[in-house]
Protein backbone atom coordinates (compact mmCIF):
# COMPACT_ATOMS: atom_id res chain seq x y z
CA MET A 1 -17.82 30.77 -6.57
CA LYS A 2 -15.06 33.21 -5.66
CA HIS A 3 -12.48 32.75 -2.93
CA ALA A 4 -13.29 34.54 0.30
CA GLY A 5 -12.08 38.11 0.50
CA PRO A 6 -11.19 40.17 3.57
CA GLN A 7 -14.81 41.04 4.44
CA THR A 8 -15.87 37.39 4.39
CA LEU A 9 -12.85 36.35 6.43
CA GLU A 10 -13.79 39.02 8.98
CA ARG A 11 -17.30 37.50 9.20
CA ILE A 12 -15.80 34.11 10.11
CA ALA A 13 -13.01 35.48 12.34
CA PRO A 14 -13.93 33.28 15.35
CA LEU A 15 -13.79 30.18 13.13
CA LEU A 16 -10.38 31.21 11.79
CA THR A 17 -9.13 31.71 15.35
CA GLU A 18 -10.23 28.15 16.18
CA LEU A 19 -8.51 26.77 13.10
CA ARG A 20 -5.26 28.63 13.81
CA ALA A 21 -5.16 26.93 17.23
CA ARG A 22 -5.14 23.43 15.65
CA ALA A 23 -1.72 21.80 15.70
CA GLY A 24 -0.84 20.45 12.30
CA LEU A 25 -2.68 23.12 10.32
CA ARG A 26 -0.61 25.89 8.79
CA GLU A 27 -2.17 29.06 7.43
CA THR A 28 -0.34 29.76 4.17
CA ARG A 29 -2.43 32.84 3.30
CA PRO A 30 -5.32 34.44 5.18
CA GLY A 31 -8.07 31.79 5.29
CA VAL A 32 -6.03 29.16 3.39
CA PHE A 33 -4.68 26.21 5.38
CA SER A 34 -2.41 23.29 4.59
CA LEU A 35 -1.96 19.98 6.37
CA LYS A 36 1.56 18.66 6.14
CA SER A 37 2.62 19.79 2.66
CA ARG A 38 -0.82 19.62 1.03
CA SER A 39 -3.60 22.14 0.55
CA PHE A 40 -6.30 21.28 3.10
CA LEU A 41 -8.84 24.07 3.59
CA HIS A 42 -9.94 27.34 2.02
CA PHE A 43 -13.10 29.44 1.95
CA HIS A 44 -15.47 30.78 -0.68
CA ASP A 45 -18.02 33.56 -0.63
CA ASP A 46 -21.30 33.12 -2.46
CA PRO A 47 -24.69 34.84 -2.31
CA ALA A 48 -25.93 31.64 -0.63
CA GLY A 49 -23.39 32.01 2.20
CA VAL A 50 -19.83 31.20 3.21
CA PHE A 51 -18.43 27.81 2.19
CA ALA A 52 -15.34 25.84 3.13
CA ASP A 53 -13.60 23.44 0.78
CA VAL A 54 -11.87 20.80 2.92
CA ARG A 55 -9.72 17.89 1.76
CA PHE A 56 -10.79 15.01 4.00
CA SER A 57 -9.55 12.48 1.43
CA ASP A 58 -8.38 12.77 -2.17
CA GLU A 59 -11.10 15.24 -3.13
CA PHE A 60 -12.27 18.48 -1.58
CA VAL A 61 -15.65 18.49 0.16
CA ARG A 62 -17.66 21.71 0.17
CA MET A 63 -19.37 22.58 3.45
CA CYS A 64 -21.54 25.56 4.27
CA VAL A 65 -20.09 27.47 7.25
CA THR A 66 -22.36 30.49 7.43
CA SER A 67 -23.97 29.68 10.79
CA ALA A 68 -22.35 28.94 14.15
CA SER A 69 -23.69 25.37 14.09
CA GLU A 70 -22.24 24.78 10.60
CA GLN A 71 -18.90 26.13 11.79
CA ALA A 72 -19.02 23.80 14.82
CA ASP A 73 -19.67 20.86 12.47
CA LEU A 74 -16.64 21.84 10.40
CA ILE A 75 -14.42 22.07 13.49
CA GLU A 76 -15.64 18.66 14.69
CA ARG A 77 -14.87 17.01 11.34
CA ILE A 78 -11.46 18.66 11.17
CA ASP A 79 -10.65 17.55 14.72
CA ASP A 80 -11.60 13.98 13.78
CA CYS A 81 -9.39 14.25 10.71
CA LEU A 82 -6.43 15.65 12.66
CA SER A 83 -6.84 12.91 15.25
CA THR A 84 -6.62 10.32 12.47
CA VAL A 85 -3.48 11.96 11.09
CA GLU A 86 -1.89 12.05 14.56
CA THR A 87 -2.70 8.38 15.12
CA ARG A 88 -1.22 7.48 11.72
CA SER A 89 1.91 9.48 12.48
CA SER A 90 2.47 7.56 15.69
CA GLY A 91 2.19 4.27 13.78
CA LYS A 92 -0.75 2.88 15.76
CA GLN A 93 -3.02 2.23 12.75
CA ARG A 94 -2.18 0.66 9.44
CA GLY A 95 -4.16 0.44 6.24
CA LYS A 96 -6.54 3.33 6.99
CA LYS A 97 -6.66 6.09 4.43
CA ARG A 98 -4.94 9.23 5.62
CA CYS A 99 -6.99 12.33 6.14
CA GLY A 100 -5.95 15.19 3.91
CA GLU A 101 -3.52 13.09 1.94
């Protein structure tokens, strides 16, 4: 599965806009995001659709993001992840595995 090119990134432009608005995520290249100093999210194009590889823990998870509902699911999971990271950073939780790390 090849990394998403400019045409694919244009197809998911609203999703990318949403991701760019998330504090904590940094777009290192078009469609490639890091969380803190670690690779967190990138996209692939495939005949079956558009896919996101997201690092919610030690391994990347592949999620289909072709449809609006799939993109909403991705945003929801990322928001949950970022909330966990923010809570960890403020020192309120201990012993829980960090999202994206």
